[in-house]
Amino acid sequence: MFENIDWVRLSEFIAAGFAAQIVDGALGMAFGVISSTLLVSVIGVPPATASASVHLVECFTTGVSGLSHALHRNVNWKLFWRLLVPGVIGGVTGAYLLSTLDASVTRPFVMTYLAAIGVYLLWRGLRHPPTPKEPKVIAPLGLIGGFLDAAGGGGWGPVVTSNLLVQGATPRTTIGTVNAVEFFLTVSISATFLIHLGLSAFTTAVAGLLIGGVVAAPFGAMFAKYIPARTLLVLVGTVLTITSLYSVYRALS
């Protein structure tokens, strides 16, 4: 059974899954973006298949990550419930449309917007210490974030986390809550992909991403708990800016 496994390739995906999940668990974003970029750009997997594969892996990584954040008391449960339902609705809708339509036209515009948000968060973290406020726009963020996450192979964390932070939400509990909701989002998205694309949608790359991601998940929650709020804001802004600009470049090239 094991003689047909490409161990070199598997180890590459394990490393990619580990690195992507460390960033995602600590900053509330980037697993889908990093993993989807690797699958589509490096291996040449079709976008819908790549998104389906990444979301299957995230069913496990987000489950472990969400539980870890809950144990570290990084979850705002009031915010959790306000994000959950619209996020799932948006995710199922996005998965259905990606299975039947090409959603790549809108991706450069979304990534440009997120890059601008990243620059703003970076500037705010460096120049102005964060002052916690109760976010007001929540349900629309969940709906849009869920839709873009499924349609673009990643986007829940960048859209939801960044926009909640712009509104003044506390970085630690925002990151923990967004990670916890993401488990339910990815399960619903994966189920939709499975119905429309079948089991062939999930590639062998899933195994490596899954191993690396699950091993790394508990560490991200630990980092989010102990890293200062101002540092988290700067790190989120940096990662969001870099990944979004790269996605714009890839989409336009």
C-alpha atoms as a PDB file:
ATOM      1  CA  MET A   1       0.000   0.000   0.000  1.00  0.00           C
ATOM      2  CA  PHE A   2       2.835   2.393   0.878  1.00  0.00           C
ATOM      3  CA  GLU A   3       5.102   1.616  -2.079  1.00  0.00           C
ATOM      4  CA  ASN A   4       3.076   3.851  -4.424  1.00  0.00           C
ATOM      5  CA  ILE A   5       3.304   6.924  -2.199  1.00  0.00           C
ATOM      6  CA  ASP A   6       5.550   9.749  -3.371  1.00  0.00           C
ATOM      7  CA  TRP A   7       7.142  10.512   0.000  1.00  0.00           C
ATOM      8  CA  VAL A   8       9.058  13.550  -1.242  1.00  0.00           C
ATOM      9  CA  ARG A   9       5.903  15.195  -2.571  1.00  0.00           C
ATOM     10  CA  LEU A  10       3.969  14.169   0.532  1.00  0.00           C
ATOM     11  CA  SER A  11       6.576  15.769   2.803  1.00  0.00           C
ATOM     12  CA  GLU A  12       6.328  19.006   0.774  1.00  0.00           C
ATOM     13  CA  PHE A  13       2.577  19.153   1.346  1.00  0.00           C
ATOM     14  CA  ILE A  14       3.003  18.330   5.034  1.00  0.00           C
ATOM     15  CA  ALA A  15       5.414  21.256   5.375  1.00  0.00           C
ATOM     16  CA  ALA A  16       3.042  23.537   3.434  1.00  0.00           C
ATOM     17  CA  GLY A  17       0.067  22.481   5.562  1.00  0.00           C
ATOM     18  CA  PHE A  18       2.020  23.015   8.777  1.00  0.00           C
ATOM     19  CA  ALA A  19       3.244  26.489   7.788  1.00  0.00           C
ATOM     20  CA  ALA A  20      -0.159  27.582   6.452  1.00  0.00           C
ATOM     21  CA  GLN A  21      -1.993  26.447   9.596  1.00  0.00           C
ATOM     22  CA  ILE A  22       0.486  28.098  11.981  1.00  0.00           C
ATOM     23  CA  VAL A  23      -0.214  31.408  10.232  1.00  0.00           C
ATOM     24  CA  ASP A  24      -3.955  30.756  10.046  1.00  0.00           C
ATOM     25  CA  GLY A  25      -4.313  29.710  13.680  1.00  0.00           C
ATOM     26  CA  ALA A  26      -2.293  32.648  15.002  1.00  0.00           C
ATOM     27  CA  LEU A  27      -3.655  35.365  12.697  1.00  0.00           C
ATOM     28  CA  GLY A  28      -7.082  34.075  11.636  1.00  0.00           C
ATOM     29  CA  MET A  29      -6.277  33.819   7.926  1.00  0.00           C
ATOM     30  CA  ALA A  30      -4.097  32.445   5.108  1.00  0.00           C
ATOM     31  CA  PHE A  31      -4.523  28.634   5.188  1.00  0.00           C
ATOM     32  CA  GLY A  32      -6.926  28.637   2.246  1.00  0.00           C
ATOM     33  CA  VAL A  33      -4.985  31.283   0.339  1.00  0.00           C
ATOM     34  CA  ILE A  34      -1.590  29.606   0.774  1.00  0.00           C
ATOM     35  CA  SER A  35      -2.876  26.091   0.123  1.00  0.00           C
ATOM     36  CA  SER A  36      -5.016  27.050  -2.883  1.00  0.00           C
ATOM     37  CA  THR A  37      -2.129  29.006  -4.404  1.00  0.00           C
ATOM     38  CA  LEU A  38       0.102  25.958  -4.066  1.00  0.00           C
ATOM     39  CA  LEU A  39      -2.424  23.561  -5.587  1.00  0.00           C
ATOM     40  CA  VAL A  40      -3.429  25.802  -8.515  1.00  0.00           C
ATOM     41  CA  SER A  41      -0.156  27.572  -9.365  1.00  0.00           C
ATOM     42  CA  VAL A  42       2.416  24.878  -8.605  1.00  0.00           C
ATOM     43  CA  ILE A  43       0.589  21.622  -9.331  1.00  0.00           C
ATOM     44  CA  GLY A  44      -1.983  22.835 -11.840  1.00  0.00           C
ATOM     45  CA  VAL A  45      -5.098  21.581 -10.045  1.00  0.00           C
ATOM     46  CA  PRO A  46      -8.361  23.095 -11.399  1.00  0.00           C
ATOM     47  CA  PRO A  47      -9.701  25.913  -9.156  1.00  0.00           C
ATOM     48  CA  ALA A  48     -12.894  24.093  -8.153  1.00  0.00           C
ATOM     49  CA  THR A  49     -10.968  20.918  -7.286  1.00  0.00           C
ATOM     50  CA  ALA A  50      -8.345  22.909  -5.384  1.00  0.00           C
ATOM     51  CA  SER A  51     -11.007  24.724  -3.378  1.00  0.00           C
ATOM     52  CA  ALA A  52     -12.775  21.441  -2.623  1.00  0.00           C
ATOM     53  CA  SER A  53      -9.493  19.806  -1.518  1.00  0.00           C
ATOM     54  CA  VAL A  54      -8.529  22.715   0.727  1.00  0.00           C
ATOM     55  CA  HIS A  55     -11.962  22.805   2.346  1.00  0.00           C
ATOM     56  CA  LEU A  56     -11.866  19.058   3.023  1.00  0.00           C
ATOM     57  CA  VAL A  57      -8.550  19.533   4.852  1.00  0.00           C
ATOM     58  CA  GLU A  58      -9.956  22.544   6.701  1.00  0.00           C
ATOM     59  CA  CYS A  59     -12.802  20.416   8.064  1.00  0.00           C
ATOM     60  CA  PHE A  60     -10.161  18.815  10.272  1.00  0.00           C
ATOM     61  CA  THR A  61      -7.699  21.678  10.804  1.00  0.00           C
ATOM     62  CA  THR A  62     -10.411  24.198  11.707  1.00  0.00           C
ATOM     63  CA  GLY A  63     -12.000  21.685  14.068  1.00  0.00           C
ATOM     64  CA  VAL A  64      -8.744  21.252  15.990  1.00  0.00           C
ATOM     65  CA  SER A  65      -7.936  24.971  15.743  1.00  0.00           C
ATOM     66  CA  GLY A  66     -11.403  26.064  16.898  1.00  0.00           C
ATOM     67  CA  LEU A  67     -11.285  23.685  19.864  1.00  0.00           C
ATOM     68  CA  SER A  68      -7.808  24.941  20.795  1.00  0.00           C
ATOM     69  CA  HIS A  69      -8.976  28.566  20.661  1.00  0.00           C
ATOM     70  CA  ALA A  70     -11.978  27.686  22.844  1.00  0.00           C
ATOM     71  CA  LEU A  71      -9.728  25.987  25.416  1.00  0.00           C
ATOM     72  CA  HIS A  72      -7.474  29.064  25.466  1.00  0.00           C
ATOM     73  CA  ARG A  73     -10.597  31.275  25.900  1.00  0.00           C
ATOM     74  CA  ASN A  74      -9.995  33.084  22.633  1.00  0.00           C
ATOM     75  CA  VAL A  75     -13.644  32.778  21.464  1.00  0.00           C
ATOM     76  CA  ASN A  76     -16.302  35.510  21.782  1.00  0.00           C
ATOM     77  CA  TRP A  77     -19.430  33.340  21.745  1.00  0.00           C
ATOM     78  CA  LYS A  78     -21.822  36.215  21.080  1.00  0.00           C
ATOM     79  CA  LEU A  79     -19.842  37.104  17.956  1.00  0.00           C
ATOM     80  CA  PHE A  80     -19.601  33.386  17.079  1.00  0.00           C
ATOM     81  CA  TRP A  81     -23.371  32.957  16.767  1.00  0.00           C
ATOM     82  CA  ARG A  82     -23.796  36.197  14.803  1.00  0.00           C
ATOM     83  CA  LEU A  83     -21.263  35.006  12.204  1.00  0.00           C
ATOM     84  CA  LEU A  84     -22.251  31.346  11.985  1.00  0.00           C
ATOM     85  CA  VAL A  85     -25.564  31.324  10.061  1.00  0.00           C
ATOM     86  CA  PRO A  86     -24.748  33.988   7.420  1.00  0.00           C
ATOM     87  CA  GLY A  87     -21.291  32.445   6.967  1.00  0.00           C
ATOM     88  CA  VAL A  88     -22.719  29.002   6.200  1.00  0.00           C
ATOM     89  CA  ILE A  89     -25.341  30.458   3.822  1.00  0.00           C
ATOM     90  CA  GLY A  90     -22.678  32.398   1.932  1.00  0.00           C
ATOM     91  CA  GLY A  91     -20.353  29.383   1.816  1.00  0.00           C
ATOM     92  CA  VAL A  92     -22.946  26.993   0.385  1.00  0.00           C
ATOM     93  CA  THR A  93     -23.959  29.574  -2.234  1.00  0.00           C
ATOM     94  CA  GLY A  94     -20.346  30.197  -3.254  1.00  0.00           C
ATOM     95  CA  ALA A  95     -19.571  26.484  -3.504  1.00  0.00           C
ATOM     96  CA  TYR A  96     -22.598  25.893  -5.724  1.00  0.00           C
ATOM     97  CA  LEU A  97     -21.701  28.756  -8.073  1.00  0.00           C
ATOM     98  CA  LEU A  98     -18.032  27.735  -8.312  1.00  0.00           C
ATOM     99  CA  SER A  99     -19.127  24.238  -9.301  1.00  0.00           C
ATOM    100  CA  THR A 100     -21.066  25.676 -12.268  1.00  0.00           C
ATOM    101  CA  LEU A 101     -19.492  29.075 -13.057  1.00  0.00           C
ATOM    102  CA  ASP A 102     -16.085  30.765 -13.365  1.00  0.00           C
ATOM    103  CA  ALA A 103     -15.754  33.191 -10.440  1.00  0.00           C
ATOM    104  CA  SER A 104     -12.174  34.218 -11.262  1.00  0.00           C
ATOM    105  CA  VAL A 105     -13.248  37.530 -12.827  1.00  0.00           C
ATOM    106  CA  THR A 106     -14.044  39.142  -9.490  1.00  0.00           C
ATOM    107  CA  ARG A 107     -11.023  37.764  -7.616  1.00  0.00           C
ATOM    108  CA  PRO A 108      -8.513  40.532  -8.574  1.00  0.00           C
ATOM    109  CA  PHE A 109     -10.923  43.216  -7.335  1.00  0.00           C
ATOM    110  CA  VAL A 110     -11.527  41.412  -4.032  1.00  0.00           C
ATOM    111  CA  MET A 111      -7.794  40.836  -3.484  1.00  0.00           C
ATOM    112  CA  THR A 112      -7.007  44.486  -4.264  1.00  0.00           C
ATOM    113  CA  TYR A 113      -9.537  45.543  -1.642  1.00  0.00           C
ATOM    114  CA  LEU A 114      -8.028  43.156   0.917  1.00  0.00           C
ATOM    115  CA  ALA A 115      -4.515  44.398   0.152  1.00  0.00           C
ATOM    116  CA  ALA A 116      -5.700  47.945   0.906  1.00  0.00           C
ATOM    117  CA  ILE A 117      -7.242  46.736   4.177  1.00  0.00           C
ATOM    118  CA  GLY A 118      -3.944  45.027   5.005  1.00  0.00           C
ATOM    119  CA  VAL A 119      -2.003  48.255   4.494  1.00  0.00           C
ATOM    120  CA  TYR A 120      -4.483  50.116   6.698  1.00  0.00           C
ATOM    121  CA  LEU A 121      -4.230  47.536   9.502  1.00  0.00           C
ATOM    122  CA  LEU A 122      -0.433  47.614   9.277  1.00  0.00           C
ATOM    123  CA  TRP A 123      -0.433  51.426   9.511  1.00  0.00           C
ATOM    124  CA  ARG A 124      -2.919  51.370  12.368  1.00  0.00           C
ATOM    125  CA  GLY A 125      -0.912  48.818  14.311  1.00  0.00           C
ATOM    126  CA  LEU A 126       2.302  50.781  13.907  1.00  0.00           C
ATOM    127  CA  ARG A 127       0.939  54.280  14.499  1.00  0.00           C
ATOM    128  CA  HIS A 128      -2.096  53.864  16.733  1.00  0.00           C
ATOM    129  CA  PRO A 129      -2.407  51.298  19.552  1.00  0.00           C
ATOM    130  CA  PRO A 130      -5.670  49.343  19.079  1.00  0.00           C
ATOM    131  CA  THR A 131      -8.637  50.568  21.130  1.00  0.00           C
ATOM    132  CA  PRO A 132     -11.216  47.756  21.496  1.00  0.00           C
ATOM    133  CA  LYS A 133     -14.743  48.521  20.241  1.00  0.00           C
ATOM    134  CA  GLU A 134     -17.826  46.416  19.692  1.00  0.00           C
ATOM    135  CA  PRO A 135     -18.122  45.703  15.921  1.00  0.00           C
ATOM    136  CA  LYS A 136     -21.464  46.669  14.378  1.00  0.00           C
ATOM    137  CA  VAL A 137     -21.345  45.152  10.863  1.00  0.00           C
ATOM    138  CA  ILE A 138     -21.220  41.388  11.434  1.00  0.00           C
ATOM    139  CA  ALA A 139     -23.852  39.359   9.530  1.00  0.00           C
ATOM    140  CA  PRO A 140     -23.028  40.883   6.091  1.00  0.00           C
ATOM    141  CA  LEU A 141     -19.349  40.099   6.704  1.00  0.00           C
ATOM    142  CA  GLY A 142     -20.222  36.491   7.458  1.00  0.00           C
ATOM    143  CA  LEU A 143     -22.304  36.204   4.287  1.00  0.00           C
ATOM    144  CA  ILE A 144     -19.687  37.806   2.021  1.00  0.00           C
ATOM    145  CA  GLY A 145     -16.770  36.040   3.708  1.00  0.00           C
ATOM    146  CA  GLY A 146     -18.412  32.631   3.377  1.00  0.00           C
ATOM    147  CA  PHE A 147     -19.275  33.210  -0.275  1.00  0.00           C
ATOM    148  CA  LEU A 148     -15.777  34.396  -1.209  1.00  0.00           C
ATOM    149  CA  ASP A 149     -14.161  31.591   0.768  1.00  0.00           C
ATOM    150  CA  ALA A 150     -15.932  28.938  -1.303  1.00  0.00           C
ATOM    151  CA  ALA A 151     -15.834  30.787  -4.635  1.00  0.00           C
ATOM    152  CA  GLY A 152     -12.163  31.767  -4.348  1.00  0.00           C
ATOM    153  CA  GLY A 153     -10.671  28.823  -2.469  1.00  0.00           C
ATOM    154  CA  GLY A 154      -9.940  31.047   0.512  1.00  0.00           C
ATOM    155  CA  GLY A 155     -11.158  34.328   1.920  1.00  0.00           C
ATOM    156  CA  TRP A 156     -13.125  33.722   5.103  1.00  0.00           C
ATOM    157  CA  GLY A 157     -10.275  34.770   7.404  1.00  0.00           C
ATOM    158  CA  PRO A 158      -8.973  37.704   5.330  1.00  0.00           C
ATOM    159  CA  VAL A 159     -12.430  39.210   4.771  1.00  0.00           C
ATOM    160  CA  VAL A 160     -13.998  38.616   8.178  1.00  0.00           C
ATOM    161  CA  THR A 161     -10.993  38.964  10.487  1.00  0.00           C
ATOM    162  CA  SER A 162      -9.623  42.075   8.784  1.00  0.00           C
ATOM    163  CA  ASN A 163     -12.958  43.901   8.626  1.00  0.00           C
ATOM    164  CA  LEU A 164     -13.794  43.128  12.255  1.00  0.00           C
ATOM    165  CA  LEU A 165     -10.379  44.462  13.260  1.00  0.00           C
ATOM    166  CA  VAL A 166     -10.998  47.615  11.204  1.00  0.00           C
ATOM    167  CA  GLN A 167     -14.147  48.143  13.287  1.00  0.00           C
ATOM    168  CA  GLY A 168     -12.070  47.930  16.464  1.00  0.00           C
ATOM    169  CA  ALA A 169     -12.696  44.336  17.587  1.00  0.00           C
ATOM    170  CA  THR A 170     -10.156  42.804  19.988  1.00  0.00           C
ATOM    171  CA  PRO A 171      -7.547  40.907  17.896  1.00  0.00           C
ATOM    172  CA  ARG A 172      -7.215  37.805  20.124  1.00  0.00           C
ATOM    173  CA  THR A 173     -10.928  36.992  20.449  1.00  0.00           C
ATOM    174  CA  THR A 174     -11.644  38.018  16.854  1.00  0.00           C
ATOM    175  CA  ILE A 175      -9.043  35.566  15.532  1.00  0.00           C
ATOM    176  CA  GLY A 176     -10.254  32.802  17.852  1.00  0.00           C
ATOM    177  CA  THR A 177     -13.919  33.322  16.988  1.00  0.00           C
ATOM    178  CA  VAL A 178     -13.345  33.473  13.234  1.00  0.00           C
ATOM    179  CA  ASN A 179     -11.349  30.220  13.455  1.00  0.00           C
ATOM    180  CA  ALA A 180     -14.104  28.527  15.472  1.00  0.00           C
ATOM    181  CA  VAL A 181     -16.871  29.511  13.018  1.00  0.00           C
ATOM    182  CA  GLU A 182     -14.707  28.376  10.101  1.00  0.00           C
ATOM    183  CA  PHE A 183     -15.101  24.715  11.106  1.00  0.00           C
ATOM    184  CA  PHE A 184     -18.848  24.782  10.450  1.00  0.00           C
ATOM    185  CA  LEU A 185     -18.322  26.829   7.305  1.00  0.00           C
ATOM    186  CA  THR A 186     -15.840  24.373   5.783  1.00  0.00           C
ATOM    187  CA  VAL A 187     -17.999  21.346   6.601  1.00  0.00           C
ATOM    188  CA  SER A 188     -20.974  22.893   4.763  1.00  0.00           C
ATOM    189  CA  ILE A 189     -18.805  23.967   1.808  1.00  0.00           C
ATOM    190  CA  SER A 190     -17.171  20.525   1.525  1.00  0.00           C
ATOM    191  CA  ALA A 191     -20.566  18.814   1.579  1.00  0.00           C
ATOM    192  CA  THR A 192     -21.755  21.064  -1.254  1.00  0.00           C
ATOM    193  CA  PHE A 193     -18.625  20.381  -3.318  1.00  0.00           C
ATOM    194  CA  LEU A 194     -19.005  16.647  -2.686  1.00  0.00           C
ATOM    195  CA  ILE A 195     -22.567  16.692  -3.993  1.00  0.00           C
ATOM    196  CA  HIS A 196     -21.691  18.624  -7.179  1.00  0.00           C
ATOM    197  CA  LEU A 197     -18.166  17.376  -7.962  1.00  0.00           C
ATOM    198  CA  GLY A 198     -18.041  13.882  -6.434  1.00  0.00           C
ATOM    199  CA  LEU A 199     -15.133  12.158  -4.690  1.00  0.00           C
ATOM    200  CA  SER A 200     -12.819  12.899  -7.631  1.00  0.00           C
ATOM    201  CA  ALA A 201     -12.653  16.496  -6.409  1.00  0.00           C
ATOM    202  CA  PHE A 202     -10.289  15.493  -3.610  1.00  0.00           C
ATOM    203  CA  THR A 203      -6.687  14.920  -4.668  1.00  0.00           C
ATOM    204  CA  THR A 204      -3.839  13.025  -3.011  1.00  0.00           C
ATOM    205  CA  ALA A 205      -2.367  16.386  -1.956  1.00  0.00           C
ATOM    206  CA  VAL A 206      -5.072  16.440   0.715  1.00  0.00           C
ATOM    207  CA  ALA A 207      -3.190  13.871   2.819  1.00  0.00           C
ATOM    208  CA  GLY A 208      -0.063  15.992   3.193  1.00  0.00           C
ATOM    209  CA  LEU A 209      -1.947  19.228   3.856  1.00  0.00           C
ATOM    210  CA  LEU A 210      -4.114  17.411   6.389  1.00  0.00           C
ATOM    211  CA  ILE A 211      -1.212  15.939   8.373  1.00  0.00           C
ATOM    212  CA  GLY A 212       0.721  19.199   8.523  1.00  0.00           C
ATOM    213  CA  GLY A 213      -2.350  21.292   9.284  1.00  0.00           C
ATOM    214  CA  VAL A 214      -3.672  19.126  12.114  1.00  0.00           C
ATOM    215  CA  VAL A 215      -0.250  18.953  13.799  1.00  0.00           C
ATOM    216  CA  ALA A 216       0.142  22.752  13.638  1.00  0.00           C
ATOM    217  CA  ALA A 217      -3.416  23.732  14.679  1.00  0.00           C
ATOM    218  CA  PRO A 218      -2.952  23.762  18.495  1.00  0.00           C
ATOM    219  CA  PHE A 219       0.147  25.966  18.261  1.00  0.00           C
ATOM    220  CA  GLY A 220      -1.605  28.775  16.373  1.00  0.00           C
ATOM    221  CA  ALA A 221      -4.178  29.219  19.158  1.00  0.00           C
ATOM    222  CA  MET A 222      -1.377  29.376  21.727  1.00  0.00           C
ATOM    223  CA  PHE A 223       0.423  32.099  19.760  1.00  0.00           C
ATOM    224  CA  ALA A 224      -2.792  34.155  19.417  1.00  0.00           C
ATOM    225  CA  LYS A 225      -3.329  34.046  23.184  1.00  0.00           C
ATOM    226  CA  TYR A 226       0.110  35.339  24.149  1.00  0.00           C
ATOM    227  CA  ILE A 227       1.083  37.723  21.324  1.00  0.00           C
ATOM    228  CA  PRO A 228       0.242  41.387  22.230  1.00  0.00           C
ATOM    229  CA  ALA A 229      -2.779  42.945  20.454  1.00  0.00           C
ATOM    230  CA  ARG A 230      -0.680  45.589  18.683  1.00  0.00           C
ATOM    231  CA  THR A 231       1.733  42.951  17.357  1.00  0.00           C
ATOM    232  CA  LEU A 232      -1.173  40.797  16.164  1.00  0.00           C
ATOM    233  CA  LEU A 233      -2.611  43.771  14.278  1.00  0.00           C
ATOM    234  CA  VAL A 234       0.710  44.440  12.525  1.00  0.00           C
ATOM    235  CA  LEU A 235       1.168  40.747  11.663  1.00  0.00           C
ATOM    236  CA  VAL A 236      -2.381  40.467  10.287  1.00  0.00           C
ATOM    237  CA  GLY A 237      -1.857  43.572   8.154  1.00  0.00           C
ATOM    238  CA  THR A 238       1.466  42.276   6.823  1.00  0.00           C
ATOM    239  CA  VAL A 239       0.209  38.792   5.942  1.00  0.00           C
ATOM    240  CA  LEU A 240      -3.015  40.139   4.414  1.00  0.00           C
ATOM    241  CA  THR A 241      -1.146  42.663   2.250  1.00  0.00           C
ATOM    242  CA  ILE A 242       1.441  40.172   0.969  1.00  0.00           C
ATOM    243  CA  THR A 243      -1.001  37.333   0.215  1.00  0.00           C
ATOM    244  CA  SER A 244      -3.555  39.643  -1.410  1.00  0.00           C
ATOM    245  CA  LEU A 245      -1.028  41.392  -3.649  1.00  0.00           C
ATOM    246  CA  TYR A 246       0.361  38.028  -4.716  1.00  0.00           C
ATOM    247  CA  SER A 247      -3.150  36.807  -5.545  1.00  0.00           C
ATOM    248  CA  VAL A 248      -3.749  39.945  -7.642  1.00  0.00           C
ATOM    249  CA  TYR A 249      -0.488  39.368  -9.501  1.00  0.00           C
ATOM    250  CA  ARG A 250      -1.333  35.719 -10.127  1.00  0.00           C
ATOM    251  CA  ALA A 251      -4.846  36.547 -11.328  1.00  0.00           C
ATOM    252  CA  LEU A 252      -3.654  39.231 -13.773  1.00  0.00           C
ATOM    253  CA  SER A 253      -0.569  37.446 -15.101  1.00  0.00           C
END
